[in-house]
C-alpha cells in the first residue's frame, strides 16, 4: 500500500500568515493544537497581538494630541500598513520578519 500522509488543517505558513488578520486568529492559533506547538506559528501570533496593541495605543495617543497628532496619524497608519503587509508576506513564505522591539517580545513569548 502506498504511504498516505494525512494532512489536517492548515500548513504552518498559512497559519502564520492568517495570524495577522485581526487578533482572533492569532489567539485561536495560540490555543489550538497543533499550531500552538510550532515555534514559528507562535512567534507570528504573538507579534500580531503585540502589533495590534501598539497600534491601538499609538492611535489613541495621536488622536488626543491636537493638530500635530492629527498630522502624524495618517503617516503612522501608512507605516503600519506597510509593516503589516510585509509581516503577512514573510509569514506566508515561512520567514520571520522581526518588527523592532515588538519582534523581540514576540520571540520571547513564543520561546523561539
N, C-alpha and C. Protein backbone atom coordinates (compact mmCIF):
# COMPACT_ATOMS: atom_id res chain seq x y z
N UNK A 1 0.84 -1.18 0.00
CA UNK A 1 0.00 0.00 0.00
C UNK A 1 0.88 1.24 0.00
N UNK A 2 0.46 2.26 -0.71
CA UNK A 2 1.25 3.49 -0.71
C UNK A 2 1.18 4.17 0.65
N UNK A 3 2.23 4.88 0.95
CA UNK A 3 2.31 5.60 2.22
C UNK A 3 1.45 6.87 2.12
N UNK A 4 0.35 6.86 2.82
CA UNK A 4 -0.54 8.02 2.79
C UNK A 4 -0.31 8.86 4.04
N UNK A 5 0.01 10.13 3.79
CA UNK A 5 0.16 11.04 4.92
C UNK A 5 -1.12 11.85 5.02
N UNK A 6 -1.66 11.87 6.18
CA UNK A 6 -2.90 12.59 6.40
C UNK A 6 -2.57 14.03 6.75
N UNK A 7 -3.14 14.93 5.99
CA UNK A 7 -2.93 16.36 6.24
C UNK A 7 -4.16 16.89 6.95
N UNK A 8 -3.94 17.47 8.10
CA UNK A 8 -5.05 18.05 8.83
C UNK A 8 -4.83 19.54 9.00
N UNK A 9 -5.83 20.31 8.72
CA UNK A 9 -5.77 21.74 8.95
C UNK A 9 -4.89 22.48 7.97
N UNK A 10 -4.36 23.58 8.44
CA UNK A 10 -3.55 24.49 7.63
C UNK A 10 -2.07 24.15 7.75
N UNK A 11 -1.32 24.59 6.76
CA UNK A 11 0.13 24.48 6.87
C UNK A 11 0.62 25.51 7.89
N UNK A 12 1.83 25.33 8.36
CA UNK A 12 2.40 26.29 9.33
C UNK A 12 2.49 27.68 8.73
N UNK A 13 2.86 27.76 7.46
CA UNK A 13 2.98 29.07 6.80
C UNK A 13 1.62 29.75 6.69
N UNK A 14 0.59 28.99 6.35
CA UNK A 14 -0.75 29.57 6.24
C UNK A 14 -1.24 30.05 7.61
N UNK A 15 -1.03 29.26 8.64
CA UNK A 15 -1.45 29.67 9.98
C UNK A 15 -0.68 30.91 10.43
N UNK A 16 0.61 30.96 10.12
CA UNK A 16 1.42 32.13 10.49
C UNK A 16 0.92 33.38 9.79
N UNK A 17 0.60 33.28 8.52
CA UNK A 17 0.10 34.44 7.78
C UNK A 17 -1.28 34.87 8.23
N UNK A 18 -2.15 33.90 8.47
CA UNK A 18 -3.51 34.24 8.91
C UNK A 18 -3.54 34.86 10.30
N UNK A 19 -2.52 34.64 11.08
CA UNK A 19 -2.46 35.22 12.43
C UNK A 19 -2.48 36.74 12.39
N UNK A 20 -2.07 37.33 11.28
CA UNK A 20 -2.03 38.79 11.18
C UNK A 20 -3.37 39.41 10.81
N UNK A 21 -4.38 38.57 10.50
CA UNK A 21 -5.69 39.10 10.16
C UNK A 21 -6.55 39.16 11.41
N UNK A 22 -6.51 40.25 12.08
CA UNK A 22 -7.16 40.55 13.37
C UNK A 22 -6.55 39.71 14.48
N UNK A 23 -6.95 39.98 15.67
CA UNK A 23 -6.41 39.28 16.83
C UNK A 23 -7.04 37.90 17.04
N UNK A 24 -8.21 37.70 16.47
CA UNK A 24 -8.94 36.45 16.70
C UNK A 24 -8.18 35.22 16.19
N UNK A 25 -7.71 35.19 14.92
CA UNK A 25 -6.96 34.00 14.50
C UNK A 25 -5.67 33.82 15.30
N UNK A 26 -5.02 34.90 15.66
CA UNK A 26 -3.78 34.79 16.44
C UNK A 26 -4.05 34.10 17.78
N UNK A 27 -5.10 34.49 18.44
CA UNK A 27 -5.44 33.88 19.72
C UNK A 27 -5.86 32.43 19.53
N UNK A 28 -6.62 32.15 18.49
CA UNK A 28 -7.06 30.77 18.23
C UNK A 28 -5.85 29.87 17.99
N UNK A 29 -4.89 30.34 17.17
CA UNK A 29 -3.72 29.51 16.88
C UNK A 29 -2.83 29.32 18.11
N UNK A 30 -2.89 30.24 19.06
CA UNK A 30 -2.13 30.07 20.30
C UNK A 30 -2.77 29.04 21.23
N UNK A 31 -4.06 28.79 21.04
CA UNK A 31 -4.79 27.88 21.92
C UNK A 31 -4.93 26.48 21.32
N UNK A 32 -5.10 26.40 20.01
CA UNK A 32 -5.43 25.14 19.36
C UNK A 32 -4.18 24.37 18.93
N UNK A 33 -4.15 23.08 19.29
CA UNK A 33 -3.08 22.20 18.82
C UNK A 33 -3.39 21.83 17.37
N UNK A 34 -2.47 21.59 16.53
CA UNK A 34 -1.02 21.50 16.68
C UNK A 34 -0.30 22.83 16.49
N UNK A 35 -1.08 23.90 16.20
CA UNK A 35 -0.44 25.19 15.89
C UNK A 35 0.28 25.76 17.10
N UNK A 36 -0.26 25.57 18.29
CA UNK A 36 0.37 26.13 19.48
C UNK A 36 1.66 25.42 19.86
N UNK A 37 1.98 24.35 19.14
CA UNK A 37 3.23 23.62 19.40
C UNK A 37 4.34 24.00 18.42
N UNK A 38 4.04 24.83 17.46
CA UNK A 38 5.01 25.25 16.44
C UNK A 38 5.55 26.62 16.79
N UNK A 39 6.87 26.71 16.96
CA UNK A 39 7.51 27.96 17.39
C UNK A 39 7.28 29.09 16.40
N UNK A 40 7.33 28.79 15.12
CA UNK A 40 7.16 29.83 14.11
C UNK A 40 5.74 30.41 14.13
N UNK A 41 4.75 29.55 14.28
CA UNK A 41 3.36 30.00 14.34
C UNK A 41 3.14 30.82 15.61
N UNK A 42 3.66 30.35 16.73
CA UNK A 42 3.53 31.10 17.99
C UNK A 42 4.18 32.48 17.87
N UNK A 43 5.37 32.55 17.23
CA UNK A 43 6.05 33.83 17.06
C UNK A 43 5.16 34.82 16.30
N UNK A 44 4.60 34.38 15.17
CA UNK A 44 3.77 35.29 14.37
C UNK A 44 2.49 35.67 15.09
N UNK A 45 1.93 34.75 15.86
CA UNK A 45 0.73 35.07 16.65
C UNK A 45 1.03 36.15 17.68
N UNK A 46 2.12 35.96 18.42
CA UNK A 46 2.47 36.95 19.45
C UNK A 46 2.84 38.29 18.82
N UNK A 47 3.55 38.26 17.71
CA UNK A 47 3.92 39.52 17.07
C UNK A 47 2.67 40.25 16.56
N UNK A 48 1.71 39.50 16.05
CA UNK A 48 0.46 40.10 15.60
C UNK A 48 -0.30 40.74 16.77
N UNK A 49 -0.35 40.04 17.89
CA UNK A 49 -1.05 40.57 19.06
C UNK A 49 -0.36 41.84 19.56
N UNK A 50 0.97 41.80 19.69
CA UNK A 50 1.70 42.98 20.16
C UNK A 50 1.59 44.14 19.18
N UNK A 51 1.60 43.85 17.89
CA UNK A 51 1.45 44.91 16.88
C UNK A 51 0.07 45.56 17.01
N UNK A 52 -0.96 44.76 17.22
CA UNK A 52 -2.30 45.31 17.41
C UNK A 52 -2.41 46.20 18.63
N UNK A 53 -1.79 45.76 19.72
CA UNK A 53 -1.83 46.55 20.96
C UNK A 53 -1.09 47.88 20.77
N UNK A 54 0.09 47.83 20.16
CA UNK A 54 0.87 49.05 19.93
C UNK A 54 0.11 50.00 19.01
N UNK A 55 -0.54 49.48 17.98
CA UNK A 55 -1.30 50.32 17.06
C UNK A 55 -2.44 51.04 17.78
N UNK A 56 -3.15 50.32 18.62
CA UNK A 56 -4.26 50.92 19.35
C UNK A 56 -3.76 52.02 20.29
N UNK A 57 -2.70 51.74 21.02
CA UNK A 57 -2.17 52.73 21.97
C UNK A 57 -1.68 53.98 21.25
N UNK A 58 -0.90 53.79 20.19
CA UNK A 58 -0.37 54.96 19.46
C UNK A 58 -1.50 55.72 18.78
N UNK A 59 -2.49 55.01 18.26
CA UNK A 59 -3.64 55.67 17.63
C UNK A 59 -4.37 56.55 18.64
N UNK A 60 -4.60 56.04 19.83
CA UNK A 60 -5.28 56.83 20.86
C UNK A 60 -4.46 58.05 21.25
N UNK A 61 -3.16 57.86 21.43
CA UNK A 61 -2.29 58.97 21.83
C UNK A 61 -2.26 60.04 20.74
N UNK A 62 -2.10 59.64 19.48
CA UNK A 62 -2.04 60.62 18.39
C UNK A 62 -3.38 61.30 18.16
N UNK A 63 -4.47 60.63 18.44
CA UNK A 63 -5.78 61.23 18.28
C UNK A 63 -6.03 62.29 19.35
N UNK A 64 -5.49 62.08 20.54
CA UNK A 64 -5.69 63.02 21.64
C UNK A 64 -4.90 64.31 21.42
N UNK A 65 -3.71 64.19 20.82
CA UNK A 65 -2.85 65.37 20.62
C UNK A 65 -3.41 66.20 19.47
N UNK A 66 -3.80 67.46 19.75
CA UNK A 66 -4.38 68.27 18.68
C UNK A 66 -3.34 68.67 17.62
N UNK A 67 -3.78 68.79 16.42
CA UNK A 67 -3.04 69.26 15.24
C UNK A 67 -1.82 68.40 14.90
N UNK A 68 -0.80 68.39 15.72
CA UNK A 68 0.41 67.63 15.41
C UNK A 68 0.08 66.14 15.33
N UNK A 69 -0.66 65.64 16.29
CA UNK A 69 -1.05 64.24 16.28
C UNK A 69 -1.93 63.92 15.09
N UNK A 70 -2.80 64.84 14.73
CA UNK A 70 -3.69 64.61 13.59
C UNK A 70 -2.92 64.59 12.27
N UNK A 71 -1.81 65.30 12.21
CA UNK A 71 -0.97 65.28 11.01
C UNK A 71 -0.13 64.00 10.96
N UNK A 72 0.36 63.57 12.10
CA UNK A 72 1.22 62.38 12.15
C UNK A 72 0.41 61.09 11.98
N UNK A 73 -0.84 61.09 12.41
CA UNK A 73 -1.66 59.89 12.40
C UNK A 73 -1.75 59.21 11.02
N UNK A 74 -2.02 59.94 9.93
CA UNK A 74 -2.07 59.27 8.62
C UNK A 74 -0.72 58.68 8.20
N UNK A 75 0.37 59.34 8.56
CA UNK A 75 1.70 58.81 8.25
C UNK A 75 1.97 57.54 9.04
N UNK A 76 1.56 57.54 10.29
CA UNK A 76 1.69 56.35 11.13
C UNK A 76 0.86 55.20 10.55
N UNK A 77 -0.35 55.50 10.12
CA UNK A 77 -1.22 54.47 9.54
C UNK A 77 -0.60 53.87 8.28
N UNK A 78 0.02 54.69 7.46
CA UNK A 78 0.70 54.20 6.26
C UNK A 78 1.88 53.30 6.62
N UNK A 79 2.65 53.71 7.61
CA UNK A 79 3.78 52.91 8.07
C UNK A 79 3.31 51.55 8.60
N UNK A 80 2.26 51.56 9.38
CA UNK A 80 1.72 50.31 9.93
C UNK A 80 1.21 49.41 8.81
N UNK A 81 0.56 49.99 7.81
CA UNK A 81 0.07 49.20 6.68
C UNK A 81 1.22 48.50 5.96
N UNK A 82 2.31 49.22 5.74
CA UNK A 82 3.48 48.64 5.08
C UNK A 82 4.09 47.52 5.92
N UNK A 83 4.25 47.76 7.21
CA UNK A 83 4.82 46.74 8.11
C UNK A 83 3.90 45.53 8.17
N UNK A 84 2.61 45.76 8.25
CA UNK A 84 1.63 44.68 8.32
C UNK A 84 1.69 43.80 7.07
N UNK A 85 1.71 44.41 5.89
CA UNK A 85 1.79 43.65 4.64
C UNK A 85 3.10 42.88 4.56
N UNK A 86 4.20 43.51 4.98
CA UNK A 86 5.50 42.84 4.98
C UNK A 86 5.48 41.61 5.90
N UNK A 87 4.89 41.75 7.07
CA UNK A 87 4.78 40.62 8.01
C UNK A 87 3.95 39.49 7.41
N UNK A 88 2.85 39.82 6.76
CA UNK A 88 1.99 38.80 6.16
C UNK A 88 2.73 38.05 5.06
N UNK A 89 3.39 38.79 4.16
CA UNK A 89 4.11 38.16 3.05
C UNK A 89 5.22 37.25 3.57
N UNK A 90 5.99 37.75 4.54
CA UNK A 90 7.07 36.94 5.11
C UNK A 90 6.52 35.70 5.80
N UNK A 91 5.42 35.84 6.53
CA UNK A 91 4.84 34.71 7.25
C UNK A 91 4.34 33.64 6.28
N UNK A 92 3.66 34.05 5.21
CA UNK A 92 3.17 33.08 4.24
C UNK A 92 4.31 32.38 3.50
N UNK A 93 5.49 33.01 3.46
CA UNK A 93 6.65 32.40 2.83
C UNK A 93 7.52 31.62 3.83
N UNK A 94 7.07 31.50 5.06
CA UNK A 94 7.79 30.72 6.05
C UNK A 94 8.98 31.44 6.65
N UNK A 95 9.04 32.75 6.51
CA UNK A 95 10.14 33.53 7.05
C UNK A 95 9.65 34.36 8.24
N UNK A 96 10.63 34.83 9.01
CA UNK A 96 10.32 35.72 10.12
C UNK A 96 10.81 37.12 9.79
N UNK A 97 9.93 38.09 10.01
CA UNK A 97 10.33 39.49 9.96
C UNK A 97 10.09 40.04 11.35
N UNK A 98 11.17 40.33 12.04
CA UNK A 98 11.02 40.84 13.40
C UNK A 98 10.86 42.35 13.35
N UNK A 99 9.72 42.80 13.82
CA UNK A 99 9.50 44.23 13.97
C UNK A 99 10.37 44.68 15.13
N UNK A 100 11.12 45.79 14.97
CA UNK A 100 11.96 46.23 16.08
C UNK A 100 11.17 46.33 17.39
N UNK A 101 11.75 45.89 18.46
CA UNK A 101 11.22 45.84 19.82
C UNK A 101 10.08 44.82 19.94
N UNK A 102 9.04 44.95 19.14
CA UNK A 102 7.90 44.04 19.21
C UNK A 102 8.34 42.61 18.90
N UNK A 103 9.19 42.47 17.89
CA UNK A 103 9.65 41.14 17.47
C UNK A 103 10.41 40.42 18.57
N UNK A 104 11.19 41.16 19.35
CA UNK A 104 11.93 40.54 20.45
C UNK A 104 10.99 40.03 21.54
N UNK A 105 9.95 40.81 21.86
CA UNK A 105 8.96 40.37 22.83
C UNK A 105 8.21 39.14 22.31
N UNK A 106 7.88 39.15 21.03
CA UNK A 106 7.18 38.01 20.44
C UNK A 106 8.03 36.75 20.48
N UNK A 107 9.31 36.89 20.16
CA UNK A 107 10.21 35.73 20.19
C UNK A 107 10.34 35.18 21.61
N UNK A 108 10.38 36.08 22.58
CA UNK A 108 10.49 35.65 23.98
C UNK A 108 9.23 34.91 24.41
N UNK A 109 8.05 35.42 24.04
CA UNK A 109 6.79 34.77 24.40
C UNK A 109 6.63 33.43 23.70
N UNK A 110 7.12 33.35 22.46
CA UNK A 110 6.99 32.12 21.68
C UNK A 110 8.00 31.07 22.09
N UNK A 111 8.98 31.49 22.85
CA UNK A 111 10.04 30.56 23.25
C UNK A 111 10.96 30.21 22.11
N UNK A 112 11.07 31.12 21.16
CA UNK A 112 11.91 30.86 19.99
C UNK A 112 13.06 31.83 19.87
